[in-house]
Amino acid sequence: MTGKRARVTIWFLCGVILCVYGVAIIGSGIYNLYNPPQVVGAELHLDLYWGFILLAVGAVFIYKQWPDKVSAE
């Protein structure tokens, strides 16, 4: 093997998990947009906001900790 081995950090994996959760919550929010639940504050659509926040934070983690960018010590 002549190539360098890229290391995957725990923060990269946390970013992947945050993106997966963000997409799942956004999907739930889109469903709740068309079928609103009978709860207080449903008109605020906080699930969409939190889904996009999780997706954005996860994307930043993935971008910053991409295995090729992290220096192996």
N, C-alpha and C. Protein backbone atom coordinates (compact mmCIF):
# COMPACT_ATOMS: atom_id res chain seq x y z
N MET A 1 0.84 -1.18 0.00
CA MET A 1 0.00 0.00 0.00
C MET A 1 0.89 1.24 0.00
N THR A 2 0.68 2.05 -0.97
CA THR A 2 1.53 3.23 -1.09
C THR A 2 0.83 4.50 -0.62
N GLY A 3 -0.48 4.49 -0.45
CA GLY A 3 -1.21 5.71 -0.08
C GLY A 3 -1.26 5.91 1.42
N LYS A 4 -1.55 7.17 1.82
CA LYS A 4 -1.74 7.46 3.24
C LYS A 4 -3.13 7.00 3.66
N ARG A 5 -3.22 6.50 4.87
CA ARG A 5 -4.52 6.10 5.40
C ARG A 5 -5.15 7.30 6.09
N ALA A 6 -6.37 7.60 5.72
CA ALA A 6 -7.09 8.71 6.32
C ALA A 6 -7.72 8.25 7.63
N ARG A 7 -7.62 9.12 8.63
CA ARG A 7 -8.22 8.82 9.92
C ARG A 7 -9.60 9.44 10.01
N VAL A 8 -10.53 8.69 10.52
CA VAL A 8 -11.89 9.19 10.74
C VAL A 8 -12.00 9.54 12.21
N THR A 9 -12.28 10.81 12.51
CA THR A 9 -12.38 11.23 13.89
C THR A 9 -13.80 11.04 14.41
N ILE A 10 -13.93 11.09 15.71
CA ILE A 10 -15.24 10.96 16.33
C ILE A 10 -16.14 12.13 15.96
N TRP A 11 -15.55 13.30 15.70
CA TRP A 11 -16.35 14.47 15.33
C TRP A 11 -16.94 14.34 13.94
N PHE A 12 -16.24 13.64 13.06
CA PHE A 12 -16.79 13.36 11.74
C PHE A 12 -18.02 12.47 11.88
N LEU A 13 -17.92 11.45 12.71
CA LEU A 13 -19.06 10.55 12.92
C LEU A 13 -20.21 11.26 13.61
N CYS A 14 -19.90 12.16 14.53
CA CYS A 14 -20.97 12.96 15.16
C CYS A 14 -21.66 13.83 14.12
N GLY A 15 -20.92 14.37 13.18
CA GLY A 15 -21.50 15.16 12.12
C GLY A 15 -22.43 14.34 11.25
N VAL A 16 -22.03 13.12 10.95
CA VAL A 16 -22.89 12.23 10.16
C VAL A 16 -24.19 11.94 10.91
N ILE A 17 -24.07 11.65 12.20
CA ILE A 17 -25.26 11.36 13.00
C ILE A 17 -26.17 12.58 13.08
N LEU A 18 -25.59 13.77 13.27
CA LEU A 18 -26.41 14.98 13.32
C LEU A 18 -27.13 15.22 12.00
N CYS A 19 -26.46 14.96 10.89
CA CYS A 19 -27.12 15.12 9.59
C CYS A 19 -28.26 14.12 9.41
N VAL A 20 -28.05 12.90 9.84
CA VAL A 20 -29.12 11.89 9.73
C VAL A 20 -30.31 12.29 10.60
N TYR A 21 -30.04 12.72 11.83
CA TYR A 21 -31.13 13.16 12.70
C TYR A 21 -31.83 14.39 12.13
N GLY A 22 -31.06 15.31 11.57
CA GLY A 22 -31.64 16.51 10.97
C GLY A 22 -32.57 16.18 9.83
N VAL A 23 -32.16 15.27 8.96
CA VAL A 23 -33.01 14.87 7.84
C VAL A 23 -34.28 14.18 8.36
N ALA A 24 -34.14 13.34 9.37
CA ALA A 24 -35.32 12.66 9.93
C ALA A 24 -36.29 13.65 10.56
N ILE A 25 -35.78 14.64 11.28
CA ILE A 25 -36.65 15.62 11.92
C ILE A 25 -37.28 16.54 10.88
N ILE A 26 -36.54 16.88 9.82
CA ILE A 26 -37.12 17.68 8.74
C ILE A 26 -38.25 16.90 8.07
N GLY A 27 -38.05 15.62 7.85
CA GLY A 27 -39.11 14.78 7.28
C GLY A 27 -40.34 14.75 8.17
N SER A 28 -40.12 14.64 9.46
CA SER A 28 -41.24 14.69 10.40
C SER A 28 -41.93 16.05 10.38
N GLY A 29 -41.13 17.11 10.26
CA GLY A 29 -41.70 18.46 10.21
C GLY A 29 -42.52 18.69 8.95
N ILE A 30 -42.07 18.15 7.82
CA ILE A 30 -42.84 18.29 6.58
C ILE A 30 -44.15 17.51 6.69
N TYR A 31 -44.09 16.34 7.29
CA TYR A 31 -45.33 15.58 7.51
C TYR A 31 -46.28 16.36 8.42
N ASN A 32 -45.75 16.94 9.49
CA ASN A 32 -46.58 17.70 10.43
C ASN A 32 -47.08 19.01 9.83
N LEU A 33 -46.44 19.48 8.78
CA LEU A 33 -46.89 20.68 8.10
C LEU A 33 -48.25 20.44 7.43
N TYR A 34 -48.42 19.24 6.87
CA TYR A 34 -49.66 18.90 6.17
C TYR A 34 -50.67 18.19 7.05
N ASN A 35 -50.22 17.61 8.15
CA ASN A 35 -51.10 16.94 9.12
C ASN A 35 -50.77 17.47 10.51
N PRO A 36 -51.21 18.69 10.82
CA PRO A 36 -50.79 19.31 12.08
C PRO A 36 -51.32 18.55 13.31
N PRO A 37 -50.44 18.31 14.28
CA PRO A 37 -50.88 17.66 15.51
C PRO A 37 -51.67 18.63 16.37
N GLN A 38 -52.47 18.10 17.26
CA GLN A 38 -53.29 18.92 18.15
C GLN A 38 -52.56 19.17 19.46
N VAL A 39 -51.47 19.92 19.37
CA VAL A 39 -50.68 20.26 20.54
C VAL A 39 -50.44 21.77 20.55
N VAL A 40 -50.12 22.28 21.74
CA VAL A 40 -49.84 23.70 21.87
C VAL A 40 -48.54 24.03 21.14
N GLY A 41 -48.54 25.05 20.33
CA GLY A 41 -47.33 25.50 19.64
C GLY A 41 -47.07 24.79 18.32
N ALA A 42 -48.02 24.01 17.82
CA ALA A 42 -47.81 23.29 16.57
C ALA A 42 -47.66 24.25 15.40
N GLU A 43 -48.24 25.44 15.52
CA GLU A 43 -48.18 26.40 14.42
C GLU A 43 -46.79 27.03 14.28
N LEU A 44 -45.90 26.82 15.24
CA LEU A 44 -44.55 27.38 15.18
C LEU A 44 -43.62 26.55 14.30
N HIS A 45 -43.94 25.28 14.09
CA HIS A 45 -43.15 24.36 13.27
C HIS A 45 -41.69 24.30 13.73
N LEU A 46 -41.51 24.13 15.03
CA LEU A 46 -40.16 24.07 15.60
C LEU A 46 -39.37 22.86 15.11
N ASP A 47 -40.06 21.80 14.73
CA ASP A 47 -39.34 20.63 14.22
C ASP A 47 -38.58 20.96 12.94
N LEU A 48 -39.15 21.81 12.09
CA LEU A 48 -38.42 22.21 10.88
C LEU A 48 -37.19 23.04 11.23
N TYR A 49 -37.34 23.98 12.16
CA TYR A 49 -36.20 24.80 12.56
C TYR A 49 -35.08 23.95 13.14
N TRP A 50 -35.42 23.06 14.08
CA TRP A 50 -34.40 22.22 14.70
C TRP A 50 -33.79 21.23 13.72
N GLY A 51 -34.59 20.75 12.79
CA GLY A 51 -34.05 19.85 11.77
C GLY A 51 -33.00 20.54 10.92
N PHE A 52 -33.29 21.78 10.50
CA PHE A 52 -32.32 22.51 9.68
C PHE A 52 -31.08 22.90 10.50
N ILE A 53 -31.27 23.20 11.77
CA ILE A 53 -30.12 23.52 12.62
C ILE A 53 -29.22 22.29 12.77
N LEU A 54 -29.80 21.13 13.05
CA LEU A 54 -29.01 19.91 13.18
C LEU A 54 -28.31 19.57 11.87
N LEU A 55 -29.00 19.75 10.76
CA LEU A 55 -28.39 19.47 9.47
C LEU A 55 -27.21 20.40 9.19
N ALA A 56 -27.37 21.68 9.52
CA ALA A 56 -26.29 22.64 9.29
C ALA A 56 -25.08 22.36 10.18
N VAL A 57 -25.33 22.10 11.46
CA VAL A 57 -24.22 21.82 12.39
C VAL A 57 -23.50 20.53 11.97
N GLY A 58 -24.27 19.52 11.59
CA GLY A 58 -23.66 18.27 11.13
C GLY A 58 -22.83 18.47 9.88
N ALA A 59 -23.32 19.31 8.96
CA ALA A 59 -22.57 19.58 7.73
C ALA A 59 -21.26 20.31 8.04
N VAL A 60 -21.28 21.21 9.01
CA VAL A 60 -20.06 21.92 9.40
C VAL A 60 -19.06 20.92 10.01
N PHE A 61 -19.54 20.02 10.87
CA PHE A 61 -18.65 19.01 11.45
C PHE A 61 -18.04 18.14 10.36
N ILE A 62 -18.85 17.71 9.41
CA ILE A 62 -18.34 16.86 8.34
C ILE A 62 -17.31 17.62 7.51
N TYR A 63 -17.60 18.87 7.18
CA TYR A 63 -16.68 19.66 6.37
C TYR A 63 -15.34 19.88 7.09
N LYS A 64 -15.42 20.22 8.38
CA LYS A 64 -14.19 20.51 9.13
C LYS A 64 -13.37 19.26 9.42
N GLN A 65 -14.01 18.13 9.57
CA GLN A 65 -13.31 16.90 9.98
C GLN A 65 -13.24 15.87 8.87
N TRP A 66 -13.35 16.30 7.62
CA TRP A 66 -13.25 15.35 6.52
C TRP A 66 -11.92 14.61 6.62
N PRO A 67 -11.90 13.28 6.44
CA PRO A 67 -10.68 12.51 6.67
C PRO A 67 -9.45 12.99 5.90
N ASP A 68 -9.58 13.54 4.72
CA ASP A 68 -8.41 14.02 3.97
C ASP A 68 -7.83 15.29 4.57
N LYS A 69 -8.67 16.10 5.27
CA LYS A 69 -8.23 17.38 5.80
C LYS A 69 -7.55 17.26 7.15
N VAL A 70 -7.88 16.22 7.91
CA VAL A 70 -7.34 16.07 9.26
C VAL A 70 -5.90 15.56 9.16
N SER A 71 -5.00 16.24 9.85
CA SER A 71 -3.60 15.82 9.81
C SER A 71 -3.39 14.63 10.73
N ALA A 72 -2.78 13.59 10.22
CA ALA A 72 -2.50 12.40 11.01
C ALA A 72 -1.18 12.58 11.75
N GLU A 73 -1.22 12.39 13.05
CA GLU A 73 -0.02 12.55 13.86
C GLU A 73 0.55 11.22 14.22
